[in-house]
Amino acid sequence: MSIGSKSMESDEGVDFAPRFQAYYDCPNGHTIILPFATDADVPPIWECRCGEEALLRDAEKPEPKATKPQRTHWDMLLERRTVKELEDLLDERLELLRAGKLRRSA
């Protein structure tokens, strides 16, 4: 007798929820067929096995979500200092370096 991932219960007397099949079409020509309960919210996009986004058949492609632009280190630096302040700081550090009061770092 094997125990583990096998259930000891039988399917006797079990009423399954009503289902339907949703068809998704991939831009690479793949078709994905998935069963859903009739009262389930069916997603308009499903990830295909090839990694592309498959669209629900007879559905319109949803609008892409608006994403905010990625902040760079320069953007974050400019939130703390103005360009004029940065130029002054650079000049000050270069003077110290030329005067031998700072060591060059690797």
PDB file of N, CA and C in Angstrom:
ATOM      1  N   MET A   1       0.852  -1.166   0.000  1.00  0.00           N
ATOM      2  CA  MET A   1       0.000   0.000   0.000  1.00  0.00           C
ATOM      3  C   MET A   1       0.903   1.235   0.000  1.00  0.00           C
ATOM      4  N   SER A   2       0.656   2.145  -0.929  1.00  0.00           N
ATOM      5  CA  SER A   2       1.478   3.357  -0.981  1.00  0.00           C
ATOM      6  C   SER A   2       0.680   4.525  -0.427  1.00  0.00           C
ATOM      7  N   ILE A   3       1.304   5.227   0.484  1.00  0.00           N
ATOM      8  CA  ILE A   3       0.703   6.416   1.082  1.00  0.00           C
ATOM      9  C   ILE A   3       1.595   7.581   0.689  1.00  0.00           C
ATOM     10  N   GLY A   4       1.121   8.750   0.787  1.00  0.00           N
ATOM     11  CA  GLY A   4       1.930   9.908   0.415  1.00  0.00           C
ATOM     12  C   GLY A   4       1.065  10.887  -0.335  1.00  0.00           C
ATOM     13  N   SER A   5       1.356  11.033  -1.616  1.00  0.00           N
ATOM     14  CA  SER A   5       0.618  12.020  -2.388  1.00  0.00           C
ATOM     15  C   SER A   5      -0.736  11.500  -2.858  1.00  0.00           C
ATOM     16  N   LYS A   6      -1.014  10.226  -2.619  1.00  0.00           N
ATOM     17  CA  LYS A   6      -2.299   9.669  -3.029  1.00  0.00           C
ATOM     18  C   LYS A   6      -3.325   9.869  -1.923  1.00  0.00           C
ATOM     19  N   SER A   7      -4.509  10.266  -2.331  1.00  0.00           N
ATOM     20  CA  SER A   7      -5.587  10.466  -1.372  1.00  0.00           C
ATOM     21  C   SER A   7      -6.309   9.145  -1.153  1.00  0.00           C
ATOM     22  N   MET A   8      -6.741   8.911   0.050  1.00  0.00           N
ATOM     23  CA  MET A   8      -7.480   7.695   0.366  1.00  0.00           C
ATOM     24  C   MET A   8      -8.977   7.891   0.136  1.00  0.00           C
ATOM     25  N   GLU A   9      -9.393   9.129  -0.221  1.00  0.00           N
ATOM     26  CA  GLU A   9     -10.806   9.396  -0.476  1.00  0.00           C
ATOM     27  C   GLU A   9     -11.148   9.031  -1.909  1.00  0.00           C
ATOM     28  N   SER A  10     -12.402   8.706  -2.119  1.00  0.00           N
ATOM     29  CA  SER A  10     -12.846   8.391  -3.478  1.00  0.00           C
ATOM     30  C   SER A  10     -13.636   9.576  -4.030  1.00  0.00           C
ATOM     31  N   ASP A  11     -13.879   9.560  -5.334  1.00  0.00           N
ATOM     32  CA  ASP A  11     -14.649  10.622  -5.980  1.00  0.00           C
ATOM     33  C   ASP A  11     -16.150  10.383  -5.868  1.00  0.00           C
ATOM     34  N   GLU A  12     -16.530   9.388  -5.135  1.00  0.00           N
ATOM     35  CA  GLU A  12     -17.932   9.027  -5.014  1.00  0.00           C
ATOM     36  C   GLU A  12     -18.730  10.138  -4.333  1.00  0.00           C
ATOM     37  N   GLY A  13     -19.810  10.558  -4.948  1.00  0.00           N
ATOM     38  CA  GLY A  13     -20.688  11.557  -4.350  1.00  0.00           C
ATOM     39  C   GLY A  13     -20.177  12.984  -4.443  1.00  0.00           C
ATOM     40  N   VAL A  14     -19.140  13.227  -5.217  1.00  0.00           N
ATOM     41  CA  VAL A  14     -18.584  14.571  -5.340  1.00  0.00           C
ATOM     42  C   VAL A  14     -19.233  15.267  -6.533  1.00  0.00           C
ATOM     43  N   ASP A  15     -19.765  16.469  -6.296  1.00  0.00           N
ATOM     44  CA  ASP A  15     -20.332  17.264  -7.386  1.00  0.00           C
ATOM     45  C   ASP A  15     -19.308  18.312  -7.790  1.00  0.00           C
ATOM     46  N   PHE A  16     -18.820  18.209  -9.008  1.00  0.00           N
ATOM     47  CA  PHE A  16     -17.850  19.174  -9.497  1.00  0.00           C
ATOM     48  C   PHE A  16     -18.567  20.439  -9.952  1.00  0.00           C
ATOM     49  N   ALA A  17     -17.898  21.556  -9.810  1.00  0.00           N
ATOM     50  CA  ALA A  17     -18.465  22.831 -10.248  1.00  0.00           C
ATOM     51  C   ALA A  17     -18.590  22.819 -11.769  1.00  0.00           C
ATOM     52  N   PRO A  18     -19.620  23.487 -12.289  1.00  0.00           N
ATOM     53  CA  PRO A  18     -19.740  23.564 -13.749  1.00  0.00           C
ATOM     54  C   PRO A  18     -18.530  24.282 -14.334  1.00  0.00           C
ATOM     55  N   ARG A  19     -18.050  23.792 -15.460  1.00  0.00           N
ATOM     56  CA  ARG A  19     -16.820  24.326 -16.042  1.00  0.00           C
ATOM     57  C   ARG A  19     -17.013  24.653 -17.518  1.00  0.00           C
ATOM     58  N   PHE A  20     -16.066  25.423 -18.019  1.00  0.00           N
ATOM     59  CA  PHE A  20     -15.974  25.672 -19.453  1.00  0.00           C
ATOM     60  C   PHE A  20     -14.503  25.780 -19.800  1.00  0.00           C
ATOM     61  N   GLN A  21     -14.202  25.721 -21.087  1.00  0.00           N
ATOM     62  CA  GLN A  21     -12.813  25.813 -21.519  1.00  0.00           C
ATOM     63  C   GLN A  21     -12.561  27.183 -22.138  1.00  0.00           C
ATOM     64  N   ALA A  22     -11.490  27.820 -21.690  1.00  0.00           N
ATOM     65  CA  ALA A  22     -11.074  29.108 -22.242  1.00  0.00           C
ATOM     66  C   ALA A  22      -9.902  28.854 -23.180  1.00  0.00           C
ATOM     67  N   TYR A  23      -9.938  29.503 -24.327  1.00  0.00           N
ATOM     68  CA  TYR A  23      -8.894  29.339 -25.339  1.00  0.00           C
ATOM     69  C   TYR A  23      -8.047  30.602 -25.394  1.00  0.00           C
ATOM     70  N   TYR A  24      -6.754  30.420 -25.279  1.00  0.00           N
ATOM     71  CA  TYR A  24      -5.797  31.523 -25.362  1.00  0.00           C
ATOM     72  C   TYR A  24      -4.915  31.299 -26.589  1.00  0.00           C
ATOM     73  N   ASP A  25      -4.682  32.367 -27.343  1.00  0.00           N
ATOM     74  CA  ASP A  25      -3.849  32.289 -28.543  1.00  0.00           C
ATOM     75  C   ASP A  25      -2.571  33.087 -28.333  1.00  0.00           C
ATOM     76  N   CYS A  26      -1.446  32.414 -28.558  1.00  0.00           N
ATOM     77  CA  CYS A  26      -0.120  33.008 -28.407  1.00  0.00           C
ATOM     78  C   CYS A  26       0.304  33.618 -29.744  1.00  0.00           C
ATOM     79  N   PRO A  27       1.072  34.717 -29.737  1.00  0.00           N
ATOM     80  CA  PRO A  27       1.555  35.285 -30.998  1.00  0.00           C
ATOM     81  C   PRO A  27       2.474  34.337 -31.781  1.00  0.00           C
ATOM     82  N   ASN A  28       3.023  33.319 -31.114  1.00  0.00           N
ATOM     83  CA  ASN A  28       3.891  32.345 -31.791  1.00  0.00           C
ATOM     84  C   ASN A  28       3.112  31.156 -32.348  1.00  0.00           C
ATOM     85  N   GLY A  29       1.776  31.243 -32.326  1.00  0.00           N
ATOM     86  CA  GLY A  29       0.952  30.185 -32.908  1.00  0.00           C
ATOM     87  C   GLY A  29       0.507  29.107 -31.938  1.00  0.00           C
ATOM     88  N   HIS A  30       0.864  29.180 -30.683  1.00  0.00           N
ATOM     89  CA  HIS A  30       0.433  28.183 -29.703  1.00  0.00           C
ATOM     90  C   HIS A  30      -0.998  28.484 -29.263  1.00  0.00           C
ATOM     91  N   THR A  31      -1.753  27.428 -28.966  1.00  0.00           N
ATOM     92  CA  THR A  31      -3.096  27.571 -28.408  1.00  0.00           C
ATOM     93  C   THR A  31      -3.097  26.905 -27.043  1.00  0.00           C
ATOM     94  N   ILE A  32      -3.615  27.612 -26.056  1.00  0.00           N
ATOM     95  CA  ILE A  32      -3.674  27.095 -24.689  1.00  0.00           C
ATOM     96  C   ILE A  32      -5.144  26.925 -24.340  1.00  0.00           C
ATOM     97  N   ILE A  33      -5.510  25.751 -23.852  1.00  0.00           N
ATOM     98  CA  ILE A  33      -6.888  25.478 -23.457  1.00  0.00           C
ATOM     99  C   ILE A  33      -6.880  25.214 -21.959  1.00  0.00           C
ATOM    100  N   LEU A  34      -7.621  26.042 -21.212  1.00  0.00           N
ATOM    101  CA  LEU A  34      -7.647  25.917 -19.754  1.00  0.00           C
ATOM    102  C   LEU A  34      -9.082  25.791 -19.262  1.00  0.00           C
ATOM    103  N   PRO A  35      -9.320  24.877 -18.313  1.00  0.00           N
ATOM    104  CA  PRO A  35     -10.664  24.780 -17.739  1.00  0.00           C
ATOM    105  C   PRO A  35     -10.843  25.803 -16.613  1.00  0.00           C
ATOM    106  N   PHE A  36     -11.997  26.456 -16.604  1.00  0.00           N
ATOM    107  CA  PHE A  36     -12.349  27.401 -15.548  1.00  0.00           C
ATOM    108  C   PHE A  36     -13.758  27.101 -15.072  1.00  0.00           C
ATOM    109  N   ALA A  37     -14.022  27.402 -13.811  1.00  0.00           N
ATOM    110  CA  ALA A  37     -15.386  27.315 -13.301  1.00  0.00           C
ATOM    111  C   ALA A  37     -16.209  28.399 -13.983  1.00  0.00           C
ATOM    112  N   THR A  38     -17.489  28.130 -14.220  1.00  0.00           N
ATOM    113  CA  THR A  38     -18.320  29.092 -14.950  1.00  0.00           C
ATOM    114  C   THR A  38     -18.462  30.410 -14.209  1.00  0.00           C
ATOM    115  N   ASP A  39     -18.319  30.403 -12.898  1.00  0.00           N
ATOM    116  CA  ASP A  39     -18.453  31.652 -12.139  1.00  0.00           C
ATOM    117  C   ASP A  39     -17.097  32.312 -11.850  1.00  0.00           C
ATOM    118  N   ALA A  40     -16.013  31.787 -12.420  1.00  0.00           N
ATOM    119  CA  ALA A  40     -14.670  32.334 -12.174  1.00  0.00           C
ATOM    120  C   ALA A  40     -14.406  33.534 -13.080  1.00  0.00           C
ATOM    121  N   ASP A  41     -13.574  34.452 -12.588  1.00  0.00           N
ATOM    122  CA  ASP A  41     -13.109  35.567 -13.410  1.00  0.00           C
ATOM    123  C   ASP A  41     -11.957  35.055 -14.265  1.00  0.00           C
ATOM    124  N   VAL A  42     -12.137  35.106 -15.565  1.00  0.00           N
ATOM    125  CA  VAL A  42     -11.128  34.589 -16.487  1.00  0.00           C
ATOM    126  C   VAL A  42     -10.168  35.714 -16.848  1.00  0.00           C
ATOM    127  N   PRO A  43      -8.861  35.523 -16.630  1.00  0.00           N
ATOM    128  CA  PRO A  43      -7.898  36.578 -16.973  1.00  0.00           C
ATOM    129  C   PRO A  43      -7.806  36.752 -18.489  1.00  0.00           C
ATOM    130  N   PRO A  44      -7.677  37.990 -18.957  1.00  0.00           N
ATOM    131  CA  PRO A  44      -7.601  38.220 -20.404  1.00  0.00           C
ATOM    132  C   PRO A  44      -6.263  37.792 -21.010  1.00  0.00           C
ATOM    133  N   ILE A  45      -5.234  37.665 -20.179  1.00  0.00           N
ATOM    134  CA  ILE A  45      -3.906  37.276 -20.668  1.00  0.00           C
ATOM    135  C   ILE A  45      -3.388  36.112 -19.826  1.00  0.00           C
ATOM    136  N   TRP A  46      -2.751  35.145 -20.495  1.00  0.00           N
ATOM    137  CA  TRP A  46      -2.147  34.000 -19.819  1.00  0.00           C
ATOM    138  C   TRP A  46      -0.744  33.827 -20.378  1.00  0.00           C
ATOM    139  N   GLU A  47       0.214  33.515 -19.527  1.00  0.00           N
ATOM    140  CA  GLU A  47       1.583  33.334 -20.007  1.00  0.00           C
ATOM    141  C   GLU A  47       1.711  31.980 -20.691  1.00  0.00           C
ATOM    142  N   CYS A  48       2.161  32.010 -21.928  1.00  0.00           N
ATOM    143  CA  CYS A  48       2.337  30.796 -22.727  1.00  0.00           C
ATOM    144  C   CYS A  48       3.592  30.053 -22.275  1.00  0.00           C
ATOM    145  N   ARG A  49       3.700  28.805 -22.682  1.00  0.00           N
ATOM    146  CA  ARG A  49       4.875  27.994 -22.322  1.00  0.00           C
ATOM    147  C   ARG A  49       6.152  28.534 -22.947  1.00  0.00           C
ATOM    148  N   CYS A  50       6.007  29.334 -24.020  1.00  0.00           N
ATOM    149  CA  CYS A  50       7.190  29.908 -24.669  1.00  0.00           C
ATOM    150  C   CYS A  50       7.591  31.234 -24.033  1.00  0.00           C
ATOM    151  N   GLY A  51       6.787  31.720 -23.077  1.00  0.00           N
ATOM    152  CA  GLY A  51       7.122  32.958 -22.382  1.00  0.00           C
ATOM    153  C   GLY A  51       6.381  34.177 -22.897  1.00  0.00           C
ATOM    154  N   GLU A  52       5.717  34.052 -24.049  1.00  0.00           N
ATOM    155  CA  GLU A  52       4.946  35.173 -24.593  1.00  0.00           C
ATOM    156  C   GLU A  52       3.603  35.276 -23.872  1.00  0.00           C
ATOM    157  N   GLU A  53       2.936  36.412 -24.055  1.00  0.00           N
ATOM    158  CA  GLU A  53       1.614  36.597 -23.467  1.00  0.00           C
ATOM    159  C   GLU A  53       0.556  36.132 -24.456  1.00  0.00           C
ATOM    160  N   ALA A  54      -0.225  35.136 -24.049  1.00  0.00           N
ATOM    161  CA  ALA A  54      -1.306  34.632 -24.884  1.00  0.00           C
ATOM    162  C   ALA A  54      -2.578  35.394 -24.523  1.00  0.00           C
ATOM    163  N   LEU A  55      -3.340  35.781 -25.546  1.00  0.00           N
ATOM    164  CA  LEU A  55      -4.554  36.576 -25.363  1.00  0.00           C
ATOM    165  C   LEU A  55      -5.770  35.670 -25.420  1.00  0.00           C
ATOM    166  N   LEU A  56      -6.719  35.917 -24.527  1.00  0.00           N
ATOM    167  CA  LEU A  56      -7.972  35.170 -24.510  1.00  0.00           C
ATOM    168  C   LEU A  56      -8.657  35.348 -25.855  1.00  0.00           C
ATOM    169  N   ARG A  57      -9.081  34.255 -26.449  1.00  0.00           N
ATOM    170  CA  ARG A  57      -9.713  34.308 -27.767  1.00  0.00           C
ATOM    171  C   ARG A  57     -10.983  35.159 -27.698  1.00  0.00           C
ATOM    172  N   ASP A  58     -11.203  35.961 -28.698  1.00  0.00           N
ATOM    173  CA  ASP A  58     -12.360  36.867 -28.809  1.00  0.00           C
ATOM    174  C   ASP A  58     -12.363  37.940 -27.727  1.00  0.00           C
ATOM    175  N   ALA A  59     -11.221  38.277 -27.189  1.00  0.00           N
ATOM    176  CA  ALA A  59     -11.120  39.339 -26.179  1.00  0.00           C
ATOM    177  C   ALA A  59     -10.190  40.420 -26.702  1.00  0.00           C
ATOM    178  N   GLU A  60     -10.392  41.628 -26.207  1.00  0.00           N
ATOM    179  CA  GLU A  60      -9.517  42.733 -26.584  1.00  0.00           C
ATOM    180  C   GLU A  60      -8.330  42.775 -25.635  1.00  0.00           C
ATOM    181  N   LYS A  61      -7.183  43.153 -26.180  1.00  0.00           N
ATOM    182  CA  LYS A  61      -5.983  43.247 -25.350  1.00  0.00           C
ATOM    183  C   LYS A  61      -6.160  44.404 -24.373  1.00  0.00           C
ATOM    184  N   PRO A  62      -5.951  44.154 -23.070  1.00  0.00           N
ATOM    185  CA  PRO A  62      -6.108  45.232 -22.085  1.00  0.00           C
ATOM    186  C   PRO A  62      -5.030  46.296 -22.246  1.00  0.00           C
ATOM    187  N   GLU A  63      -5.350  47.503 -21.802  1.00  0.00           N
ATOM    188  CA  GLU A  63      -4.389  48.606 -21.852  1.00  0.00           C
ATOM    189  C   GLU A  63      -3.220  48.288 -20.921  1.00  0.00           C
ATOM    190  N   PRO A  64      -1.991  48.563 -21.346  1.00  0.00           N
ATOM    191  CA  PRO A  64      -0.849  48.312 -20.449  1.00  0.00           C
ATOM    192  C   PRO A  64      -0.908  49.234 -19.237  1.00  0.00           C
ATOM    193  N   LYS A  65      -0.468  48.708 -18.117  1.00  0.00           N
ATOM    194  CA  LYS A  65      -0.464  49.490 -16.881  1.00  0.00           C
ATOM    195  C   LYS A  65       0.593  50.581 -16.971  1.00  0.00           C
ATOM    196  N   ALA A  66       0.233  51.735 -16.469  1.00  0.00           N
ATOM    197  CA  ALA A  66       1.184  52.852 -16.477  1.00  0.00           C
ATOM    198  C   ALA A  66       2.268  52.585 -15.434  1.00  0.00           C
ATOM    199  N   THR A  67       3.503  52.710 -15.853  1.00  0.00           N
ATOM    200  CA  THR A  67       4.616  52.512 -14.927  1.00  0.00           C
ATOM    201  C   THR A  67       5.372  53.819 -14.791  1.00  0.00           C
ATOM    202  N   LYS A  68       5.829  54.077 -13.596  1.00  0.00           N
ATOM    203  CA  LYS A  68       6.591  55.308 -13.406  1.00  0.00           C
ATOM    204  C   LYS A  68       8.029  55.074 -13.853  1.00  0.00           C
ATOM    205  N   PRO A  69       8.659  56.109 -14.380  1.00  0.00           N
ATOM    206  CA  PRO A  69      10.032  55.932 -14.859  1.00  0.00           C
ATOM    207  C   PRO A  69      10.980  55.614 -13.706  1.00  0.00           C
ATOM    208  N   GLN A  70      11.985  54.833 -14.009  1.00  0.00           N
ATOM    209  CA  GLN A  70      12.950  54.428 -12.995  1.00  0.00           C
ATOM    210  C   GLN A  70      13.843  55.608 -12.625  1.00  0.00           C
ATOM    211  N   ARG A  71      14.021  55.797 -11.324  1.00  0.00           N
ATOM    212  CA  ARG A  71      14.896  56.875 -10.843  1.00  0.00           C
ATOM    213  C   ARG A  71      16.337  56.405 -10.874  1.00  0.00           C
ATOM    214  N   THR A  72      17.195  57.223 -11.460  1.00  0.00           N
ATOM    215  CA  THR A  72      18.618  56.895 -11.526  1.00  0.00           C
ATOM    216  C   THR A  72      19.333  57.508 -10.323  1.00  0.00           C
ATOM    217  N   HIS A  73      20.596  57.151 -10.164  1.00  0.00           N
ATOM    218  CA  HIS A  73      21.406  57.739  -9.091  1.00  0.00           C
ATOM    219  C   HIS A  73      21.498  59.250  -9.286  1.00  0.00           C
ATOM    220  N   TRP A  74      21.626  59.675 -10.529  1.00  0.00           N
ATOM    221  CA  TRP A  74      21.713  61.107 -10.830  1.00  0.00           C
ATOM    222  C   TRP A  74      20.434  61.828 -10.399  1.00  0.00           C
ATOM    223  N   ASP A  75      19.270  61.235 -10.660  1.00  0.00           N
ATOM    224  CA  ASP A  75      18.001  61.838 -10.244  1.00  0.00           C
ATOM    225  C   ASP A  75      17.946  61.998  -8.729  1.00  0.00           C
ATOM    226  N   MET A  76      18.380  60.969  -8.015  1.00  0.00           N
ATOM    227  CA  MET A  76      18.346  61.037  -6.551  1.00  0.00           C
ATOM    228  C   MET A  76      19.347  62.063  -6.024  1.00  0.00           C
ATOM    229  N   LEU A  77      20.497  62.189  -6.684  1.00  0.00           N
ATOM    230  CA  LEU A  77      21.488  63.185  -6.286  1.00  0.00           C
ATOM    231  C   LEU A  77      20.930  64.593  -6.486  1.00  0.00           C
ATOM    232  N   LEU A  78      20.242  64.807  -7.596  1.00  0.00           N
ATOM    233  CA  LEU A  78      19.670  66.129  -7.871  1.00  0.00           C
ATOM    234  C   LEU A  78      18.517  66.479  -6.928  1.00  0.00           C
ATOM    235  N   GLU A  79      17.969  65.493  -6.236  1.00  0.00           N
ATOM    236  CA  GLU A  79      16.953  65.780  -5.223  1.00  0.00           C
ATOM    237  C   GLU A  79      17.592  66.397  -3.981  1.00  0.00           C
ATOM    238  N   ARG A  80      18.896  66.113  -3.783  1.00  0.00           N
ATOM    239  CA  ARG A  80      19.585  66.606  -2.586  1.00  0.00           C
ATOM    240  C   ARG A  80      20.422  67.853  -2.843  1.00  0.00           C
ATOM    241  N   ARG A  81      20.963  67.989  -4.058  1.00  0.00           N
ATOM    242  CA  ARG A  81      21.860  69.113  -4.363  1.00  0.00           C
ATOM    243  C   ARG A  81      21.549  69.660  -5.747  1.00  0.00           C
ATOM    244  N   THR A  82      21.848  70.952  -5.933  1.00  0.00           N
ATOM    245  CA  THR A  82      21.699  71.563  -7.248  1.00  0.00           C
ATOM    246  C   THR A  82      22.966  71.310  -8.057  1.00  0.00           C
ATOM    247  N   VAL A  83      22.886  71.539  -9.363  1.00  0.00           N
ATOM    248  CA  VAL A  83      24.055  71.358 -10.220  1.00  0.00           C
ATOM    249  C   VAL A  83      25.151  72.332  -9.806  1.00  0.00           C
ATOM    250  N   LYS A  84      24.784  73.549  -9.433  1.00  0.00           N
ATOM    251  CA  LYS A  84      25.766  74.549  -8.979  1.00  0.00           C
ATOM    252  C   LYS A  84      26.505  74.048  -7.732  1.00  0.00           C
ATOM    253  N   GLU A  85      25.764  73.490  -6.761  1.00  0.00           N
ATOM    254  CA  GLU A  85      26.393  72.953  -5.549  1.00  0.00           C
ATOM    255  C   GLU A  85      27.347  71.806  -5.891  1.00  0.00           C
ATOM    256  N   LEU A  86      26.971  70.971  -6.831  1.00  0.00           N
ATOM    257  CA  LEU A  86      27.827  69.851  -7.232  1.00  0.00           C
ATOM    258  C   LEU A  86      29.100  70.347  -7.911  1.00  0.00           C
ATOM    259  N   GLU A  87      28.974  71.371  -8.746  1.00  0.00           N
ATOM    260  CA  GLU A  87      30.159  71.938  -9.397  1.00  0.00           C
ATOM    261  C   GLU A  87      31.110  72.544  -8.368  1.00  0.00           C
ATOM    262  N   ASP A  88      30.556  73.269  -7.380  1.00  0.00           N
ATOM    263  CA  ASP A  88      31.384  73.856  -6.322  1.00  0.00           C
ATOM    264  C   ASP A  88      32.092  72.766  -5.517  1.00  0.00           C
ATOM    265  N   LEU A  89      31.378  71.713  -5.190  1.00  0.00           N
ATOM    266  CA  LEU A  89      31.957  70.604  -4.433  1.00  0.00           C
ATOM    267  C   LEU A  89      33.077  69.928  -5.230  1.00  0.00           C
ATOM    268  N   LEU A  90      32.865  69.737  -6.520  1.00  0.00           N
ATOM    269  CA  LEU A  90      33.894  69.140  -7.370  1.00  0.00           C
ATOM    270  C   LEU A  90      35.139  70.020  -7.409  1.00  0.00           C
ATOM    271  N   ASP A  91      34.949  71.316  -7.591  1.00  0.00           N
ATOM    272  CA  ASP A  91      36.093  72.235  -7.621  1.00  0.00           C
ATOM    273  C   ASP A  91      36.870  72.193  -6.308  1.00  0.00           C
ATOM    274  N   GLU A  92      36.138  72.171  -5.193  1.00  0.00           N
ATOM    275  CA  GLU A  92      36.769  72.131  -3.870  1.00  0.00           C
ATOM    276  C   GLU A  92      37.589  70.858  -3.699  1.00  0.00           C
ATOM    277  N   ARG A  93      37.037  69.717  -4.097  1.00  0.00           N
ATOM    278  CA  ARG A  93      37.743  68.440  -3.937  1.00  0.00           C
ATOM    279  C   ARG A  93      38.954  68.361  -4.873  1.00  0.00           C
ATOM    280  N   LEU A  94      38.829  68.909  -6.087  1.00  0.00           N
ATOM    281  CA  LEU A  94      39.962  68.907  -7.015  1.00  0.00           C
ATOM    282  C   LEU A  94      41.101  69.779  -6.496  1.00  0.00           C
ATOM    283  N   GLU A  95      40.765  70.904  -5.869  1.00  0.00           N
ATOM    284  CA  GLU A  95      41.794  71.780  -5.276  1.00  0.00           C
ATOM    285  C   GLU A  95      42.556  71.043  -4.190  1.00  0.00           C
ATOM    286  N   LEU A  96      41.828  70.358  -3.305  1.00  0.00           N
ATOM    287  CA  LEU A  96      42.472  69.599  -2.232  1.00  0.00           C
ATOM    288  C   LEU A  96      43.358  68.494  -2.804  1.00  0.00           C
ATOM    289  N   LEU A  97      42.894  67.843  -3.845  1.00  0.00           N
ATOM    290  CA  LEU A  97      43.664  66.773  -4.464  1.00  0.00           C
ATOM    291  C   LEU A  97      44.946  67.321  -5.089  1.00  0.00           C
ATOM    292  N   ARG A  98      44.851  68.428  -5.780  1.00  0.00           N
ATOM    293  CA  ARG A  98      46.025  69.036  -6.417  1.00  0.00           C
ATOM    294  C   ARG A  98      47.019  69.570  -5.381  1.00  0.00           C
ATOM    295  N   ALA A  99      46.517  70.021  -4.226  1.00  0.00           N
ATOM    296  CA  ALA A  99      47.386  70.559  -3.176  1.00  0.00           C
ATOM    297  C   ALA A  99      48.058  69.440  -2.378  1.00  0.00           C
ATOM    298  N   GLY A 100      47.695  68.192  -2.647  1.00  0.00           N
ATOM    299  CA  GLY A 100      48.308  67.072  -1.945  1.00  0.00           C
ATOM    300  C   GLY A 100      47.678  66.804  -0.592  1.00  0.00           C
ATOM    301  N   LYS A 101      46.567  67.423  -0.293  1.00  0.00           N
ATOM    302  CA  LYS A 101      45.908  67.207   1.001  1.00  0.00           C
ATOM    303  C   LYS A 101      44.994  65.984   0.974  1.00  0.00           C
ATOM    304  N   LEU A 102      44.769  65.436  -0.204  1.00  0.00           N
ATOM    305  CA  LEU A 102      43.977  64.204  -0.349  1.00  0.00           C
ATOM    306  C   LEU A 102      44.812  63.183  -1.108  1.00  0.00           C
ATOM    307  N   ARG A 103      44.627  61.919  -0.748  1.00  0.00           N
ATOM    308  CA  ARG A 103      45.287  60.859  -1.501  1.00  0.00           C
ATOM    309  C   ARG A 103      44.322  60.366  -2.567  1.00  0.00           C
ATOM    310  N   ARG A 104      44.881  59.941  -3.670  1.00  0.00           N
ATOM    311  CA  ARG A 104      44.043  59.369  -4.722  1.00  0.00           C
ATOM    312  C   ARG A 104      43.572  57.994  -4.259  1.00  0.00           C
ATOM    313  N   SER A 105      42.321  57.736  -4.466  1.00  0.00           N
ATOM    314  CA  SER A 105      41.798  56.414  -4.101  1.00  0.00           C
ATOM    315  C   SER A 105      41.654  55.575  -5.365  1.00  0.00           C
ATOM    316  N   ALA A 106      41.726  54.278  -5.179  1.00  0.00           N
ATOM    317  CA  ALA A 106      41.669  53.370  -6.333  1.00  0.00           C
ATOM    318  C   ALA A 106      40.273  53.251  -6.860  1.00  0.00           C
TER     319      ALA A 106
END
